Protein backbone atom coordinates (compact mmCIF):
# COMPACT_ATOMS: atom_id res chain seq x y z
CA UNK A 1 5.50 10.14 -22.08
CA UNK A 2 7.26 7.06 -20.70
CA UNK A 3 5.38 4.87 -18.23
CA UNK A 4 7.79 5.67 -15.38
CA UNK A 5 7.14 9.37 -15.93
CA UNK A 6 3.41 8.71 -15.73
CA UNK A 7 3.96 6.76 -12.52
CA UNK A 8 5.93 9.58 -10.91
CA UNK A 9 3.43 12.20 -12.07
CA UNK A 10 0.56 10.17 -10.62
CA UNK A 11 2.33 9.59 -7.32
CA UNK A 12 3.44 13.21 -7.11
CA UNK A 13 -0.21 14.18 -7.49
CA UNK A 14 -1.09 11.78 -4.65
CA UNK A 15 1.52 13.36 -2.41
CA UNK A 16 0.47 16.91 -3.25
CA UNK A 17 -3.17 16.44 -2.24
CA UNK A 18 -4.53 16.86 1.29
CA UNK A 19 -4.12 15.77 4.02
CA UNK A 20 -0.93 17.66 4.85
CA UNK A 21 0.67 14.85 6.88
CA UNK A 22 1.20 12.75 3.75
CA UNK A 23 3.17 15.60 2.17
CA UNK A 24 5.09 16.03 5.41
CA UNK A 25 6.07 12.36 5.57
CA UNK A 26 7.32 12.56 1.98
CA UNK A 27 9.39 15.71 2.48
CA UNK A 28 11.14 14.62 5.66
CA UNK A 29 12.07 11.19 4.24
CA UNK A 30 15.71 10.37 4.98
CA UNK A 31 17.88 9.05 2.15
CA UNK A 32 18.55 5.35 2.66
CA UNK A 33 21.24 2.96 1.50
CA UNK A 34 19.10 0.44 -0.32
CA UNK A 35 20.53 -2.57 -2.16
CA UNK A 36 18.69 -3.23 -5.43
CA UNK A 37 19.04 -6.35 -7.58
CA UNK A 38 17.41 -7.36 -10.85
CA UNK A 39 15.16 -10.43 -10.73
CA UNK A 40 15.30 -13.29 -13.20
CA UNK A 41 12.43 -13.42 -15.67
CA UNK A 42 11.05 -16.64 -14.18
CA UNK A 43 11.16 -15.16 -10.67
CA UNK A 44 9.25 -12.09 -11.87
CA UNK A 45 6.67 -14.31 -13.57
CA UNK A 46 6.13 -16.40 -10.43
CA UNK A 47 5.90 -13.34 -8.19
CA UNK A 48 3.40 -11.56 -10.44
CA UNK A 49 1.26 -14.65 -11.00
CA UNK A 50 1.02 -15.43 -7.28
CA UNK A 51 0.38 -11.83 -6.31
CA UNK A 52 -2.21 -11.20 -9.02
CA UNK A 53 -4.10 -14.35 -8.10
CA UNK A 54 -4.85 -12.71 -4.75
CA UNK A 55 -4.98 -9.04 -5.82
CA UNK A 56 -6.57 -9.38 -9.23
CA UNK A 57 -8.31 -6.00 -9.34
CA UNK A 58 -5.21 -4.10 -8.25
CA UNK A 59 -3.11 -5.80 -10.93
CA UNK A 60 -5.68 -4.97 -13.59
CA UNK A 61 -5.74 -1.30 -12.54
CA UNK A 62 -1.94 -1.08 -12.70
CA UNK A 63 -1.40 -3.26 -15.77
CA UNK A 64 1.08 -5.31 -13.76
CA UNK A 65 0.29 -8.60 -15.50
CA UNK A 66 1.99 -7.17 -18.60
CA UNK A 67 5.27 -7.15 -16.71
CA UNK A 68 8.61 -6.42 -18.33
CA UNK A 69 11.11 -6.17 -15.51
CA UNK A 70 11.41 -6.74 -11.80
CA UNK A 71 13.82 -5.71 -9.08
CA UNK A 72 14.18 -6.43 -5.40
CA UNK A 73 15.12 -3.70 -2.94
CA UNK A 74 16.56 -4.66 0.44
CA UNK A 75 16.89 -2.44 3.50
CA UNK A 76 17.43 -3.62 7.07
CA UNK A 77 15.89 -7.02 6.40
CA UNK A 78 12.82 -5.67 4.58
CA UNK A 79 12.33 -6.87 0.99
CA UNK A 80 10.42 -4.74 -1.51
CA UNK A 81 9.64 -5.86 -5.06
CA UNK A 82 9.47 -3.34 -7.90
CA UNK A 83 7.61 -4.42 -11.04
CA UNK A 84 7.56 -2.20 -14.15
CA UNK A 85 8.81 0.69 -12.02
CA UNK A 86 6.06 0.30 -9.40
CA UNK A 87 7.03 -0.53 -5.79
CA UNK A 88 4.38 -3.24 -5.74
CA UNK A 89 4.99 -5.78 -3.00
CA UNK A 90 6.68 -6.03 0.38
CA UNK A 91 7.21 -9.07 2.58
CA UNK A 92 5.99 -9.27 6.16
CA UNK A 93 5.98 -12.46 8.24
CA UNK A 94 6.24 -14.61 5.14
CA UNK A 95 3.31 -12.99 3.30
CA UNK A 96 3.47 -10.57 0.38
CA UNK A 97 1.39 -7.40 0.76
CA UNK A 98 0.68 -4.57 -1.69
CA UNK A 99 2.41 -1.30 -0.86
CA UNK A 100 0.52 1.93 -0.24
CA UNK A 101 2.15 3.30 -3.39
CA UNK A 102 0.54 0.56 -5.48
CA UNK A 103 -2.82 0.95 -3.77
CA UNK A 104 -2.75 4.73 -4.15
CA UNK A 105 -2.11 4.34 -7.88
CA UNK A 106 -4.80 1.67 -8.16
CA UNK A 107 -7.34 3.85 -6.37
CA UNK A 108 -10.20 3.20 -3.99
CA UNK A 109 -11.71 -0.20 -4.70
CA UNK A 110 -8.55 -1.74 -6.14
CA UNK A 111 -8.48 -3.83 -2.93
CA UNK A 112 -10.96 -4.46 -0.14
CA UNK A 113 -11.18 -1.23 1.83
CA UNK A 114 -12.56 0.84 4.68
CA UNK A 115 -12.90 4.60 5.10
CA UNK A 116 -12.19 6.08 8.53
CA UNK A 117 -13.25 9.29 10.28
CA UNK A 118 -10.86 12.17 10.91
CA UNK A 119 -10.33 11.24 14.55
CA UNK A 120 -8.74 7.91 13.59
CA UNK A 121 -6.16 9.29 11.16
CA UNK A 122 -3.43 10.49 13.52
CA UNK A 123 -3.51 7.24 15.48
CA UNK A 124 -3.21 5.12 12.34
CA UNK A 125 -0.20 7.13 11.18
CA UNK A 126 1.49 6.29 14.48
CA UNK A 127 1.00 2.58 13.80
CA UNK A 128 -2.21 1.96 15.74
CA UNK A 129 -4.60 -0.77 14.64
CA UNK A 130 -7.91 0.28 13.11
CA UNK A 131 -10.76 0.37 15.62
CA UNK A 132 -14.28 -0.45 14.49
CA UNK A 133 -15.90 2.76 15.86
CA UNK A 134 -13.65 4.88 13.60
CA UNK A 135 -14.79 3.17 10.40
CA UNK A 136 -17.52 4.95 8.44
CA UNK A 137 -17.62 2.87 5.21
CA UNK A 138 -16.54 -0.61 4.10
CA UNK A 139 -16.42 -2.84 1.08
CA UNK A 140 -17.21 -6.53 1.57
CA UNK A 141 -14.41 -8.56 3.17
CA UNK A 142 -13.80 -11.53 5.44
CA UNK A 143 -11.55 -12.13 8.45
CA UNK A 144 -7.95 -12.43 7.27
CA UNK A 145 -8.42 -10.44 4.07
CA UNK A 146 -5.96 -7.67 3.21
CA UNK A 147 -7.75 -4.34 3.54
CA UNK A 148 -6.66 -0.81 2.62
CA UNK A 149 -7.67 2.06 4.88
CA UNK A 150 -8.59 5.40 3.33
CA UNK A 151 -8.88 8.98 4.59
CA UNK A 152 -12.31 10.56 5.25
CA UNK A 153 -12.34 12.24 1.82
CA UNK A 154 -11.68 8.82 0.18
CA UNK A 155 -8.65 10.24 -1.67
CA UNK A 156 -5.66 9.07 0.38
CA UNK A 157 -4.59 5.51 1.22
CA UNK A 158 -3.30 5.51 4.80
CA UNK A 159 -2.84 1.89 5.87
CA UNK A 160 -2.55 -1.65 4.59
CA UNK A 161 -3.82 -4.17 7.11
CA UNK A 162 -5.45 -7.53 7.80
CA UNK A 163 -9.10 -7.83 8.79
CA UNK A 164 -9.68 -9.04 12.35
CA UNK A 165 -13.45 -9.15 11.76
CA UNK A 166 -15.57 -9.26 8.64
CA UNK A 167 -17.17 -6.16 7.14
CA UNK A 168 -20.64 -6.95 8.49
CA UNK A 169 -19.27 -7.33 12.03
CA UNK A 170 -17.44 -4.00 11.70
CA UNK A 171 -20.69 -2.16 11.04
CA UNK A 172 -22.83 -4.17 13.48
CA UNK A 173 -20.59 -4.59 16.53
CA UNK A 174 -18.98 -1.13 16.41
CA UNK A 175 -16.33 -1.92 19.00
CA UNK A 176 -12.88 -3.47 19.25
CA UNK A 177 -10.02 -3.82 16.78
CA UNK A 178 -11.24 -4.34 13.22
CA UNK A 179 -8.00 -4.29 11.18
CA UNK A 180 -4.40 -4.99 12.15
CA UNK A 181 -2.11 -2.21 10.92
CA UNK A 182 0.66 -3.81 8.82
CA UNK A 183 1.95 -0.85 6.77
CA UNK A 184 1.15 2.86 7.12
CA UNK A 185 2.14 6.15 5.49
CA UNK A 186 5.41 7.24 7.08
CA UNK A 187 6.68 3.82 8.19
CA UNK A 188 9.83 2.04 6.99
CA UNK A 189 8.17 0.39 3.99
CA UNK A 190 6.74 3.77 2.93
CA UNK A 191 10.17 5.37 3.12
CA UNK A 192 11.79 2.55 1.16
CA UNK A 193 9.16 3.01 -1.55
CA UNK A 194 9.92 6.72 -1.80
CA UNK A 195 13.65 6.15 -1.97
CA UNK A 196 13.18 3.50 -4.67
CA UNK A 197 11.08 5.95 -6.70
CA UNK A 198 13.85 8.54 -6.41
CA UNK A 199 16.41 6.01 -7.62
CA UNK A 200 14.47 4.91 -10.72
CA UNK A 201 13.33 8.30 -12.03
């Protein structure tokens, strides 16, 4: 089986599991006119090296460091980078973040993470920041770290964000905003990822 087929099978499995709102966001995705360009080999090398320096565990899980090809997808000013068929990176305010697709394929623990309770989920999927009282589990992280946010059953990646407090403060203070919501399931980056996956099947 080709690697891209494995990728699509894995992501299809992710979309077919509870909770239902992830499936809903996938099914109602609107087709987009995305411009895709191939990247030069040196540009791919630089991108992967810089990204994997920060997100080492995620790159190891995905085998990204053994890169072969890279493409850039553009839609309404948002740049998304696809490496070896994986929508891996998007740009936001000059910083490159991992996509939810990449984190979902990497699994829990491929980045710093928190798990939230059921009451927080609907707010996060409307773009709300992550509040400390809704967090039930954390890995170790510091202020400013990129953190993935997972569903109560620990199976579904919901949000990519930046820590506004460290993990110890989250569990001790139990109030206020803990993580800034940068990218969530159902937002523009999510929809670009899905459209890119459709295009490269």
